[in-house]
Amino acid sequence: MLFSRIPSVDQIMQWFGLAQTTEYRAIVCGVVTVIVLLLPVIVGLPLHLFQYIQLKLLSRISPRFAVNFANYVTFPGTIFHESAHLVLAIVTFAEVQEVKFLEKADDCLGHVTYCNRGLFLLPHLQDTLISCAPTVLGVLGSGFLLEFILKGGHEWWQYILLWYLLISIVNHATMSPQDLSNYFRGVWVFLFPVFACFMWL
């Protein structure tokens, strides 16, 4: 299984030969917390680079062709991307104002606009989860889809369809500059809860 090899904090401490003390555990949990919270950005960077290189190569044919390929040929990825935003907006009780999946404006096929609502930390939680949803759900969905493909036993046309779907999702599993801004605006809310999970659960 692709997602069954995640090490525990105790295993990480053993790797570095650290004594099983509360102090060392707190340090390791702190470092792991920061890494986990930066993971959507870290994972998003190579995905963004993949998209950038792809567009640069396709632009040699034609800039318009490159944009059309990214937006229209891989449109299932756009639908997945906007659906991820939408699902997390609904789950976190944000007020969804507009949803567009297939539109032709500013070389963009879709968007989800929402308004924060709720008190105290809820707006920050909404910003962070909604903004990173395409990357987190895209990577998870792609992982499960890749695992399904590699299991084999599919017809040739199913392989073509599955690989097309996988490439489309990966192609759009990035965060926009606005998504990144929203993510960092609220991610601090998760510092203590995530640290506590690693420390005591």
N, C-alpha and C. Protein backbone atom coordinates (compact mmCIF):
# COMPACT_ATOMS: atom_id res chain seq x y z
N MET A 1 0.85 -1.19 0.00
CA MET A 1 0.00 0.00 0.00
C MET A 1 0.88 1.25 0.00
N LEU A 2 0.50 2.25 -0.81
CA LEU A 2 1.30 3.46 -0.92
C LEU A 2 1.27 4.31 0.35
N PHE A 3 0.17 4.20 1.13
CA PHE A 3 0.03 5.05 2.30
C PHE A 3 0.16 4.29 3.61
N SER A 4 0.78 3.11 3.57
CA SER A 4 0.88 2.30 4.79
C SER A 4 2.30 2.28 5.34
N ARG A 5 3.18 3.13 4.81
CA ARG A 5 4.59 3.12 5.24
C ARG A 5 4.98 4.40 5.96
N ILE A 6 4.02 5.11 6.52
CA ILE A 6 4.32 6.34 7.24
C ILE A 6 4.89 5.99 8.61
N PRO A 7 6.10 6.46 8.93
CA PRO A 7 6.73 6.08 10.20
C PRO A 7 6.09 6.81 11.38
N SER A 8 6.19 6.18 12.55
CA SER A 8 5.70 6.81 13.78
C SER A 8 6.79 7.71 14.34
N VAL A 9 6.43 8.55 15.30
CA VAL A 9 7.41 9.43 15.95
C VAL A 9 8.49 8.59 16.64
N ASP A 10 8.08 7.49 17.28
CA ASP A 10 9.05 6.61 17.95
C ASP A 10 10.06 6.05 16.95
N GLN A 11 9.59 5.68 15.76
CA GLN A 11 10.51 5.15 14.74
C GLN A 11 11.50 6.22 14.30
N ILE A 12 11.01 7.44 14.12
CA ILE A 12 11.89 8.54 13.72
C ILE A 12 12.97 8.77 14.78
N MET A 13 12.57 8.71 16.05
CA MET A 13 13.53 8.89 17.14
C MET A 13 14.57 7.77 17.13
N GLN A 14 14.15 6.57 16.83
CA GLN A 14 15.08 5.44 16.75
C GLN A 14 16.06 5.62 15.60
N TRP A 15 15.59 6.13 14.46
CA TRP A 15 16.47 6.37 13.31
C TRP A 15 17.64 7.26 13.69
N PHE A 16 17.38 8.29 14.50
CA PHE A 16 18.41 9.26 14.86
C PHE A 16 19.09 8.93 16.19
N GLY A 17 18.76 7.76 16.75
CA GLY A 17 19.39 7.33 17.98
C GLY A 17 19.08 8.21 19.18
N LEU A 18 17.89 8.77 19.21
CA LEU A 18 17.51 9.65 20.31
C LEU A 18 16.88 8.86 21.44
N ALA A 19 17.20 9.26 22.66
CA ALA A 19 16.61 8.61 23.83
C ALA A 19 15.11 8.91 23.89
N GLN A 20 14.35 7.94 24.40
CA GLN A 20 12.90 8.10 24.48
C GLN A 20 12.52 8.97 25.68
N THR A 21 12.89 10.26 25.61
CA THR A 21 12.56 11.20 26.68
C THR A 21 11.52 12.20 26.17
N THR A 22 10.85 12.84 27.10
CA THR A 22 9.82 13.82 26.75
C THR A 22 10.40 14.99 25.97
N GLU A 23 11.60 15.42 26.36
CA GLU A 23 12.23 16.56 25.69
C GLU A 23 12.52 16.26 24.23
N TYR A 24 13.16 15.11 23.97
CA TYR A 24 13.46 14.74 22.59
C TYR A 24 12.19 14.50 21.79
N ARG A 25 11.20 13.89 22.44
CA ARG A 25 9.94 13.64 21.76
C ARG A 25 9.28 14.96 21.36
N ALA A 26 9.33 15.96 22.24
CA ALA A 26 8.74 17.27 21.94
C ALA A 26 9.46 17.93 20.76
N ILE A 27 10.79 17.81 20.73
CA ILE A 27 11.57 18.40 19.63
C ILE A 27 11.21 17.73 18.30
N VAL A 28 11.19 16.39 18.30
CA VAL A 28 10.87 15.65 17.08
C VAL A 28 9.44 15.97 16.64
N CYS A 29 8.51 16.00 17.59
CA CYS A 29 7.12 16.31 17.26
C CYS A 29 6.98 17.72 16.70
N GLY A 30 7.76 18.66 17.23
CA GLY A 30 7.73 20.03 16.71
C GLY A 30 8.22 20.10 15.28
N VAL A 31 9.33 19.41 15.00
CA VAL A 31 9.88 19.40 13.63
C VAL A 31 8.91 18.72 12.68
N VAL A 32 8.35 17.58 13.10
CA VAL A 32 7.41 16.85 12.25
C VAL A 32 6.15 17.68 12.01
N THR A 33 5.71 18.42 13.02
CA THR A 33 4.53 19.28 12.87
C THR A 33 4.75 20.33 11.79
N VAL A 34 5.90 21.00 11.84
CA VAL A 34 6.21 22.01 10.83
C VAL A 34 6.27 21.39 9.44
N ILE A 35 6.92 20.23 9.32
CA ILE A 35 7.02 19.55 8.03
C ILE A 35 5.64 19.18 7.49
N VAL A 36 4.80 18.63 8.37
CA VAL A 36 3.45 18.21 7.95
C VAL A 36 2.64 19.41 7.49
N LEU A 37 2.73 20.53 8.22
CA LEU A 37 1.96 21.71 7.84
C LEU A 37 2.49 22.37 6.57
N LEU A 38 3.77 22.16 6.27
CA LEU A 38 4.34 22.70 5.03
C LEU A 38 4.23 21.71 3.86
N LEU A 39 3.78 20.50 4.16
CA LEU A 39 3.73 19.44 3.14
C LEU A 39 2.92 19.81 1.90
N PRO A 40 1.73 20.41 2.04
CA PRO A 40 1.00 20.79 0.81
C PRO A 40 1.80 21.73 -0.08
N VAL A 41 2.57 22.62 0.53
CA VAL A 41 3.40 23.54 -0.25
C VAL A 41 4.59 22.80 -0.85
N ILE A 42 5.24 21.95 -0.03
CA ILE A 42 6.40 21.19 -0.49
C ILE A 42 6.03 20.27 -1.65
N VAL A 43 4.91 19.57 -1.51
CA VAL A 43 4.45 18.67 -2.57
C VAL A 43 3.98 19.46 -3.78
N GLY A 44 3.39 20.63 -3.52
CA GLY A 44 2.88 21.45 -4.61
C GLY A 44 3.96 22.02 -5.51
N LEU A 45 5.17 22.22 -4.97
CA LEU A 45 6.25 22.81 -5.76
C LEU A 45 6.65 21.95 -6.96
N PRO A 46 6.95 20.64 -6.78
CA PRO A 46 7.27 19.84 -7.96
C PRO A 46 6.09 19.69 -8.92
N LEU A 47 4.86 19.68 -8.38
CA LEU A 47 3.69 19.63 -9.24
C LEU A 47 3.58 20.90 -10.08
N HIS A 48 3.88 22.03 -9.44
CA HIS A 48 3.87 23.31 -10.17
C HIS A 48 4.98 23.33 -11.21
N LEU A 49 6.15 22.78 -10.85
CA LEU A 49 7.27 22.71 -11.79
C LEU A 49 6.92 21.83 -12.98
N PHE A 50 6.25 20.69 -12.70
CA PHE A 50 5.81 19.80 -13.77
C PHE A 50 4.87 20.54 -14.73
N GLN A 51 3.94 21.30 -14.18
CA GLN A 51 2.99 22.06 -14.98
C GLN A 51 3.71 23.15 -15.78
N TYR A 52 4.67 23.81 -15.14
CA TYR A 52 5.43 24.88 -15.81
C TYR A 52 6.23 24.34 -16.99
N ILE A 53 6.95 23.24 -16.77
CA ILE A 53 7.76 22.64 -17.84
C ILE A 53 6.86 22.18 -18.99
N GLN A 54 5.73 21.58 -18.62
CA GLN A 54 4.78 21.12 -19.63
C GLN A 54 4.31 22.29 -20.51
N LEU A 55 3.93 23.40 -19.86
CA LEU A 55 3.46 24.57 -20.61
C LEU A 55 4.56 25.17 -21.48
N LYS A 56 5.80 25.19 -20.95
CA LYS A 56 6.92 25.72 -21.73
C LYS A 56 7.17 24.89 -22.99
N LEU A 57 7.12 23.56 -22.82
CA LEU A 57 7.35 22.68 -23.97
C LEU A 57 6.23 22.81 -25.00
N LEU A 58 5.00 22.86 -24.51
CA LEU A 58 3.86 22.98 -25.42
C LEU A 58 3.81 24.36 -26.07
N SER A 59 4.37 25.36 -25.40
CA SER A 59 4.38 26.72 -25.96
C SER A 59 5.25 26.80 -27.21
N ARG A 60 6.17 25.85 -27.37
CA ARG A 60 7.00 25.84 -28.58
C ARG A 60 6.15 25.55 -29.80
N ILE A 61 5.06 24.82 -29.59
CA ILE A 61 4.11 24.59 -30.68
C ILE A 61 3.30 25.87 -30.89
N SER A 62 2.72 26.34 -29.78
CA SER A 62 1.93 27.57 -29.80
C SER A 62 1.52 27.91 -28.38
N PRO A 63 1.66 29.17 -27.97
CA PRO A 63 1.22 29.56 -26.62
C PRO A 63 -0.26 29.27 -26.40
N ARG A 64 -1.07 29.51 -27.44
CA ARG A 64 -2.51 29.26 -27.32
C ARG A 64 -2.77 27.77 -27.16
N PHE A 65 -1.99 26.93 -27.86
CA PHE A 65 -2.13 25.48 -27.75
C PHE A 65 -1.78 25.02 -26.34
N ALA A 66 -0.74 25.60 -25.76
CA ALA A 66 -0.32 25.22 -24.40
C ALA A 66 -1.42 25.51 -23.40
N VAL A 67 -2.02 26.70 -23.49
CA VAL A 67 -3.10 27.07 -22.58
C VAL A 67 -4.32 26.18 -22.79
N ASN A 68 -4.65 25.93 -24.05
CA ASN A 68 -5.80 25.07 -24.35
C ASN A 68 -5.59 23.66 -23.85
N PHE A 69 -4.34 23.17 -23.97
CA PHE A 69 -4.04 21.82 -23.47
C PHE A 69 -4.23 21.76 -21.97
N ALA A 70 -3.64 22.74 -21.26
CA ALA A 70 -3.72 22.75 -19.80
C ALA A 70 -5.15 22.88 -19.31
N ASN A 71 -5.94 23.68 -19.98
CA ASN A 71 -7.30 23.94 -19.52
C ASN A 71 -8.34 22.98 -20.06
N TYR A 72 -8.26 22.68 -21.35
CA TYR A 72 -9.34 21.93 -21.98
C TYR A 72 -9.06 20.45 -22.16
N VAL A 73 -7.84 20.11 -22.56
CA VAL A 73 -7.53 18.69 -22.77
C VAL A 73 -7.55 17.95 -21.44
N THR A 74 -7.10 18.62 -20.39
CA THR A 74 -7.08 17.98 -19.07
C THR A 74 -8.18 18.54 -18.16
N PHE A 75 -9.34 18.83 -18.74
CA PHE A 75 -10.43 19.45 -17.98
C PHE A 75 -10.92 18.62 -16.78
N PRO A 76 -10.81 17.27 -16.79
CA PRO A 76 -11.21 16.54 -15.56
C PRO A 76 -10.41 16.98 -14.33
N GLY A 77 -9.16 17.38 -14.56
CA GLY A 77 -8.35 17.87 -13.46
C GLY A 77 -8.87 19.19 -12.92
N THR A 78 -9.36 20.05 -13.82
CA THR A 78 -9.96 21.32 -13.39
C THR A 78 -11.20 21.07 -12.54
N ILE A 79 -12.03 20.15 -13.00
CA ILE A 79 -13.25 19.81 -12.26
C ILE A 79 -12.90 19.26 -10.89
N PHE A 80 -11.88 18.39 -10.83
CA PHE A 80 -11.43 17.83 -9.55
C PHE A 80 -10.91 18.95 -8.65
N HIS A 81 -10.11 19.86 -9.22
CA HIS A 81 -9.52 20.97 -8.46
C HIS A 81 -10.61 21.83 -7.82
N GLU A 82 -11.56 22.26 -8.63
CA GLU A 82 -12.62 23.14 -8.10
C GLU A 82 -13.55 22.37 -7.15
N SER A 83 -13.77 21.10 -7.42
CA SER A 83 -14.61 20.28 -6.53
C SER A 83 -13.96 20.15 -5.16
N ALA A 84 -12.63 20.04 -5.14
CA ALA A 84 -11.90 19.95 -3.86
C ALA A 84 -12.11 21.22 -3.05
N HIS A 85 -11.96 22.38 -3.72
CA HIS A 85 -12.24 23.66 -3.04
C HIS A 85 -13.66 23.67 -2.50
N LEU A 86 -14.60 23.26 -3.34
CA LEU A 86 -16.02 23.31 -2.97
C LEU A 86 -16.34 22.41 -1.79
N VAL A 87 -15.84 21.18 -1.82
CA VAL A 87 -16.13 20.22 -0.74
C VAL A 87 -15.61 20.74 0.59
N LEU A 88 -14.38 21.26 0.61
CA LEU A 88 -13.83 21.77 1.87
C LEU A 88 -14.53 23.06 2.31
N ALA A 89 -15.01 23.85 1.38
CA ALA A 89 -15.79 25.04 1.75
C ALA A 89 -17.09 24.63 2.44
N ILE A 90 -17.73 23.61 1.92
CA ILE A 90 -18.98 23.13 2.52
C ILE A 90 -18.71 22.49 3.89
N VAL A 91 -17.68 21.66 3.94
CA VAL A 91 -17.35 20.94 5.19
C VAL A 91 -16.98 21.91 6.31
N THR A 92 -16.33 23.01 5.97
CA THR A 92 -15.90 23.97 7.00
C THR A 92 -16.91 25.09 7.23
N PHE A 93 -18.09 24.97 6.62
CA PHE A 93 -19.19 25.91 6.83
C PHE A 93 -18.93 27.31 6.28
N ALA A 94 -18.06 27.42 5.29
CA ALA A 94 -17.88 28.71 4.62
C ALA A 94 -19.11 28.97 3.73
N GLU A 95 -19.33 30.23 3.44
CA GLU A 95 -20.47 30.59 2.58
C GLU A 95 -20.02 30.57 1.12
N VAL A 96 -20.47 29.57 0.38
CA VAL A 96 -20.10 29.45 -1.04
C VAL A 96 -20.92 30.47 -1.83
N GLN A 97 -20.24 31.33 -2.57
CA GLN A 97 -20.91 32.38 -3.31
C GLN A 97 -21.08 32.06 -4.78
N GLU A 98 -20.07 31.43 -5.36
CA GLU A 98 -20.16 31.11 -6.78
C GLU A 98 -19.27 29.92 -7.10
N VAL A 99 -19.76 29.05 -7.97
CA VAL A 99 -19.00 27.88 -8.41
C VAL A 99 -19.05 27.82 -9.94
N LYS A 100 -17.91 27.80 -10.58
CA LYS A 100 -17.82 27.68 -12.02
C LYS A 100 -16.86 26.56 -12.36
N PHE A 101 -17.33 25.58 -13.11
CA PHE A 101 -16.46 24.48 -13.51
C PHE A 101 -15.93 24.66 -14.93
N LEU A 102 -16.77 25.07 -15.82
CA LEU A 102 -16.35 25.20 -17.22
C LEU A 102 -16.73 26.59 -17.72
N GLU A 103 -15.80 27.50 -17.60
CA GLU A 103 -16.01 28.85 -18.10
C GLU A 103 -14.80 29.26 -18.92
N LYS A 104 -14.96 30.26 -19.74
CA LYS A 104 -13.85 30.72 -20.56
C LYS A 104 -13.57 32.17 -20.21
N ALA A 105 -12.69 32.38 -19.25
CA ALA A 105 -12.36 33.73 -18.81
C ALA A 105 -10.94 33.75 -18.27
N ASP A 106 -10.10 34.63 -18.84
CA ASP A 106 -8.72 34.79 -18.37
C ASP A 106 -7.96 33.47 -18.38
N ASP A 107 -8.19 32.67 -19.42
CA ASP A 107 -7.49 31.38 -19.56
C ASP A 107 -7.69 30.48 -18.36
N CYS A 108 -8.82 30.60 -17.71
CA CYS A 108 -9.13 29.79 -16.53
C CYS A 108 -10.46 29.11 -16.75
N LEU A 109 -10.52 27.81 -16.46
CA LEU A 109 -11.76 27.06 -16.70
C LEU A 109 -12.74 27.11 -15.55
N GLY A 110 -12.29 27.43 -14.37
CA GLY A 110 -13.22 27.39 -13.25
C GLY A 110 -12.72 28.15 -12.03
N HIS A 111 -13.65 28.36 -11.10
CA HIS A 111 -13.28 28.98 -9.83
C HIS A 111 -14.38 28.74 -8.81
N VAL A 112 -13.99 28.84 -7.55
CA VAL A 112 -14.95 28.78 -6.44
C VAL A 112 -14.68 30.01 -5.58
N THR A 113 -15.70 30.82 -5.40
CA THR A 113 -15.56 31.96 -4.50
C THR A 113 -16.40 31.70 -3.26
N TYR A 114 -15.85 32.08 -2.12
CA TYR A 114 -16.53 31.85 -0.85
C TYR A 114 -16.28 33.02 0.09
N CYS A 115 -17.06 33.07 1.12
CA CYS A 115 -16.91 34.10 2.15
C CYS A 115 -16.77 33.41 3.49
N ASN A 116 -15.75 33.81 4.26
CA ASN A 116 -15.57 33.23 5.59
C ASN A 116 -16.76 33.56 6.48
N ARG A 117 -17.12 32.62 7.32
CA ARG A 117 -18.12 32.90 8.35
C ARG A 117 -17.80 32.06 9.57
N GLY A 118 -18.26 32.51 10.70
CA GLY A 118 -17.93 31.85 11.94
C GLY A 118 -17.08 32.75 12.81
N LEU A 119 -16.88 32.34 14.05
CA LEU A 119 -16.15 33.16 15.01
C LEU A 119 -14.78 32.58 15.33
N PHE A 120 -13.96 33.39 15.90
CA PHE A 120 -12.65 33.01 16.44
C PHE A 120 -11.75 32.39 15.37
N LEU A 121 -11.46 31.09 15.49
CA LEU A 121 -10.48 30.46 14.61
C LEU A 121 -11.08 29.87 13.34
N LEU A 122 -12.40 29.79 13.25
CA LEU A 122 -13.03 29.11 12.12
C LEU A 122 -12.67 29.74 10.77
N PRO A 123 -12.66 31.07 10.61
CA PRO A 123 -12.26 31.64 9.31
C PRO A 123 -10.84 31.24 8.89
N HIS A 124 -9.92 31.17 9.85
CA HIS A 124 -8.54 30.75 9.52
C HIS A 124 -8.52 29.29 9.09
N LEU A 125 -9.29 28.47 9.79
CA LEU A 125 -9.38 27.06 9.43
C LEU A 125 -9.95 26.90 8.03
N GLN A 126 -10.97 27.69 7.71
CA GLN A 126 -11.58 27.65 6.38
C GLN A 126 -10.56 28.01 5.30
N ASP A 127 -9.85 29.12 5.50
CA ASP A 127 -8.87 29.56 4.51
C ASP A 127 -7.83 28.49 4.23
N THR A 128 -7.29 27.91 5.29
CA THR A 128 -6.21 26.93 5.13
C THR A 128 -6.69 25.66 4.45
N LEU A 129 -7.78 25.09 4.94
CA LEU A 129 -8.25 23.82 4.38
C LEU A 129 -8.78 23.97 2.96
N ILE A 130 -9.50 25.04 2.70
CA ILE A 130 -10.04 25.25 1.35
C ILE A 130 -8.92 25.47 0.35
N SER A 131 -7.91 26.24 0.74
CA SER A 131 -6.84 26.58 -0.20
C SER A 131 -5.97 25.38 -0.56
N CYS A 132 -5.71 24.49 0.39
CA CYS A 132 -4.82 23.35 0.10
C CYS A 132 -5.57 22.11 -0.37
N ALA A 133 -6.89 22.19 -0.43
CA ALA A 133 -7.70 21.02 -0.79
C ALA A 133 -7.32 20.39 -2.13
N PRO A 134 -7.10 21.17 -3.20
CA PRO A 134 -6.75 20.54 -4.48
C PRO A 134 -5.44 19.76 -4.43
N THR A 135 -4.45 20.28 -3.68
CA THR A 135 -3.17 19.57 -3.58
C THR A 135 -3.30 18.32 -2.72
N VAL A 136 -3.90 18.46 -1.53
CA VAL A 136 -4.01 17.31 -0.61
C VAL A 136 -4.89 16.22 -1.22
N LEU A 137 -6.09 16.59 -1.65
CA LEU A 137 -7.00 15.59 -2.23
C LEU A 137 -6.49 15.10 -3.58
N GLY A 138 -5.81 15.98 -4.32
CA GLY A 138 -5.25 15.56 -5.60
C GLY A 138 -4.16 14.52 -5.45
N VAL A 139 -3.27 14.74 -4.47
CA VAL A 139 -2.19 13.77 -4.23
C VAL A 139 -2.75 12.46 -3.70
N LEU A 140 -3.68 12.54 -2.75
CA LEU A 140 -4.29 11.32 -2.22
C LEU A 140 -5.06 10.57 -3.30
N GLY A 141 -5.87 11.30 -4.05
CA GLY A 141 -6.64 10.67 -5.13
C GLY A 141 -5.74 10.06 -6.19
N SER A 142 -4.67 10.77 -6.55
CA SER A 142 -3.72 10.25 -7.54
C SER A 142 -3.01 9.01 -7.03
N GLY A 143 -2.68 9.02 -5.73
CA GLY A 143 -2.01 7.86 -5.14
C GLY A 143 -2.88 6.62 -5.20
N PHE A 144 -4.14 6.76 -4.81
CA PHE A 144 -5.06 5.63 -4.86
C PHE A 144 -5.32 5.19 -6.30
N LEU A 145 -5.43 6.17 -7.20
CA LEU A 145 -5.66 5.85 -8.61
C LEU A 145 -4.46 5.13 -9.21
N LEU A 146 -3.24 5.58 -8.88
CA LEU A 146 -2.03 4.92 -9.37
C LEU A 146 -1.95 3.50 -8.83
N GLU A 147 -2.28 3.33 -7.56
CA GLU A 147 -2.27 1.99 -6.97
C GLU A 147 -3.26 1.08 -7.68
N PHE A 148 -4.43 1.62 -8.02
CA PHE A 148 -5.45 0.86 -8.73
C PHE A 148 -4.97 0.47 -10.13
N ILE A 149 -4.27 1.40 -10.79
CA ILE A 149 -3.75 1.12 -12.13
C ILE A 149 -2.70 0.02 -12.07
N LEU A 150 -1.78 0.12 -11.08
CA LEU A 150 -0.67 -0.83 -11.00
C LEU A 150 -1.10 -2.22 -10.57
N LYS A 151 -2.30 -2.34 -10.01
CA LYS A 151 -2.81 -3.66 -9.66
C LYS A 151 -3.07 -4.50 -10.91
N GLY A 152 -3.33 -3.80 -12.02
CA GLY A 152 -3.52 -4.50 -13.29
C GLY A 152 -4.90 -5.10 -13.44
N GLY A 153 -5.03 -5.90 -14.52
CA GLY A 153 -6.29 -6.57 -14.78
C GLY A 153 -7.31 -5.73 -15.52
N HIS A 154 -6.86 -4.62 -16.13
CA HIS A 154 -7.78 -3.73 -16.83
C HIS A 154 -7.68 -3.95 -18.33
N GLU A 155 -8.73 -3.57 -19.04
CA GLU A 155 -8.71 -3.59 -20.50
C GLU A 155 -7.82 -2.46 -21.00
N TRP A 156 -7.36 -2.54 -22.24
CA TRP A 156 -6.44 -1.53 -22.78
C TRP A 156 -7.06 -0.14 -22.76
N TRP A 157 -8.36 -0.06 -23.09
CA TRP A 157 -9.00 1.25 -23.13
C TRP A 157 -9.19 1.81 -21.72
N GLN A 158 -9.31 0.90 -20.74
CA GLN A 158 -9.42 1.35 -19.35
C GLN A 158 -8.09 1.93 -18.87
N TYR A 159 -6.97 1.32 -19.30
CA TYR A 159 -5.66 1.87 -18.96
C TYR A 159 -5.50 3.29 -19.51
N ILE A 160 -5.91 3.47 -20.76
CA ILE A 160 -5.81 4.80 -21.38
C ILE A 160 -6.64 5.82 -20.59
N LEU A 161 -7.86 5.42 -20.26
CA LEU A 161 -8.76 6.32 -19.52
C LEU A 161 -8.22 6.63 -18.13
N LEU A 162 -7.72 5.61 -17.43
CA LEU A 162 -7.20 5.79 -16.07
C LEU A 162 -5.95 6.67 -16.06
N TRP A 163 -5.03 6.44 -17.01
CA TRP A 163 -3.82 7.26 -17.07
C TRP A 163 -4.16 8.70 -17.45
N TYR A 164 -5.12 8.86 -18.34
CA TYR A 164 -5.56 10.22 -18.71
C TYR A 164 -6.14 10.94 -17.50
N LEU A 165 -6.95 10.24 -16.73
CA LEU A 165 -7.54 10.82 -15.54
C LEU A 165 -6.47 11.17 -14.51
N LEU A 166 -5.50 10.27 -14.33
CA LEU A 166 -4.40 10.50 -13.39
C LEU A 166 -3.59 11.73 -13.78
N ILE A 167 -3.21 11.82 -15.04
CA ILE A 167 -2.42 12.96 -15.52
C ILE A 167 -3.20 14.26 -15.38
N SER A 168 -4.50 14.20 -15.65
CA SER A 168 -5.34 15.39 -15.54
C SER A 168 -5.40 15.89 -14.10
N ILE A 169 -5.56 14.98 -13.15
CA ILE A 169 -5.64 15.37 -11.74
C ILE A 169 -4.31 15.94 -11.27
N VAL A 170 -3.21 15.25 -11.60
CA VAL A 170 -1.89 15.72 -11.20
C VAL A 170 -1.60 17.09 -11.81
N ASN A 171 -2.05 17.29 -13.04
CA ASN A 171 -1.80 18.53 -13.76
C ASN A 171 -2.43 19.74 -13.08
N HIS A 172 -3.47 19.51 -12.28
CA HIS A 172 -4.19 20.62 -11.65
C HIS A 172 -4.14 20.56 -10.12
N ALA A 173 -3.25 19.74 -9.58
CA ALA A 173 -3.18 19.59 -8.12
C ALA A 173 -2.21 20.59 -7.50
N THR A 174 -2.29 21.82 -7.95
CA THR A 174 -1.41 22.86 -7.43
C THR A 174 -2.23 23.97 -6.79
N MET A 175 -1.56 24.77 -5.97
CA MET A 175 -2.22 25.92 -5.35
C MET A 175 -1.82 27.19 -6.10
N SER A 176 -2.80 28.02 -6.36
CA SER A 176 -2.54 29.31 -7.00
C SER A 176 -1.87 30.24 -6.00
N PRO A 177 -1.31 31.37 -6.46
CA PRO A 177 -0.74 32.35 -5.52
C PRO A 177 -1.76 32.80 -4.47
N GLN A 178 -3.02 32.94 -4.85
CA GLN A 178 -4.04 33.32 -3.88
C GLN A 178 -4.27 32.20 -2.87
N ASP A 179 -4.25 30.94 -3.36
CA ASP A 179 -4.39 29.80 -2.45
C ASP A 179 -3.26 29.78 -1.43
N LEU A 180 -2.03 30.02 -1.89
CA LEU A 180 -0.88 30.04 -0.98
C LEU A 180 -1.02 31.14 0.07
N SER A 181 -1.48 32.30 -0.38
CA SER A 181 -1.67 33.41 0.55
C SER A 181 -2.71 33.04 1.62
N ASN A 182 -3.81 32.44 1.20
CA ASN A 182 -4.85 32.02 2.14
C ASN A 182 -4.35 30.94 3.09
N TYR A 183 -3.55 30.03 2.54
CA TYR A 183 -3.03 28.92 3.34
C TYR A 183 -2.17 29.42 4.49
N PHE A 184 -1.22 30.29 4.18
CA PHE A 184 -0.32 30.78 5.22
C PHE A 184 -1.00 31.75 6.18
N ARG A 185 -2.11 32.33 5.74
CA ARG A 185 -2.84 33.23 6.63
C ARG A 185 -3.48 32.48 7.79
N GLY A 186 -3.81 31.22 7.58
CA GLY A 186 -4.53 30.49 8.62
C GLY A 186 -3.85 29.25 9.17
N VAL A 187 -2.70 28.86 8.59
CA VAL A 187 -2.11 27.58 8.95
C VAL A 187 -1.65 27.53 10.41
N TRP A 188 -1.36 28.70 11.00
CA TRP A 188 -0.89 28.73 12.40
C TRP A 188 -1.91 28.13 13.36
N VAL A 189 -3.19 28.12 12.97
CA VAL A 189 -4.26 27.56 13.81
C VAL A 189 -4.00 26.08 14.10
N PHE A 190 -3.31 25.41 13.18
CA PHE A 190 -3.12 23.97 13.29
C PHE A 190 -1.87 23.58 14.07
N LEU A 191 -1.04 24.54 14.42
CA LEU A 191 0.24 24.22 15.06
C LEU A 191 0.07 23.39 16.33
N PHE A 192 -0.70 23.90 17.28
CA PHE A 192 -0.83 23.17 18.54
C PHE A 192 -1.61 21.87 18.40
N PRO A 193 -2.77 21.84 17.69
CA PRO A 193 -3.49 20.57 17.56
C PRO A 193 -2.67 19.46 16.91
N VAL A 194 -1.93 19.80 15.85
CA VAL A 194 -1.12 18.79 15.17
C VAL A 194 0.03 18.35 16.07
N PHE A 195 0.67 19.30 16.74
CA PHE A 195 1.74 18.96 17.68
C PHE A 195 1.22 18.04 18.79
N ALA A 196 0.04 18.36 19.31
CA ALA A 196 -0.55 17.55 20.38
C ALA A 196 -0.86 16.14 19.91
N CYS A 197 -1.33 16.03 18.67
CA CYS A 197 -1.61 14.70 18.12
C CYS A 197 -0.36 13.84 18.07
N PHE A 198 0.73 14.42 17.58
CA PHE A 198 1.99 13.67 17.49
C PHE A 198 2.55 13.38 18.88
N MET A 199 2.34 14.28 19.80
CA MET A 199 2.95 14.17 21.12
C MET A 199 2.24 13.12 21.99
N TRP A 200 0.92 13.10 21.93
CA TRP A 200 0.20 12.28 22.92
C TRP A 200 -0.66 11.16 22.35
N LEU A 201 -0.97 11.19 21.07
CA LEU A 201 -1.86 10.13 20.56
C LEU A 201 -1.06 8.93 20.07
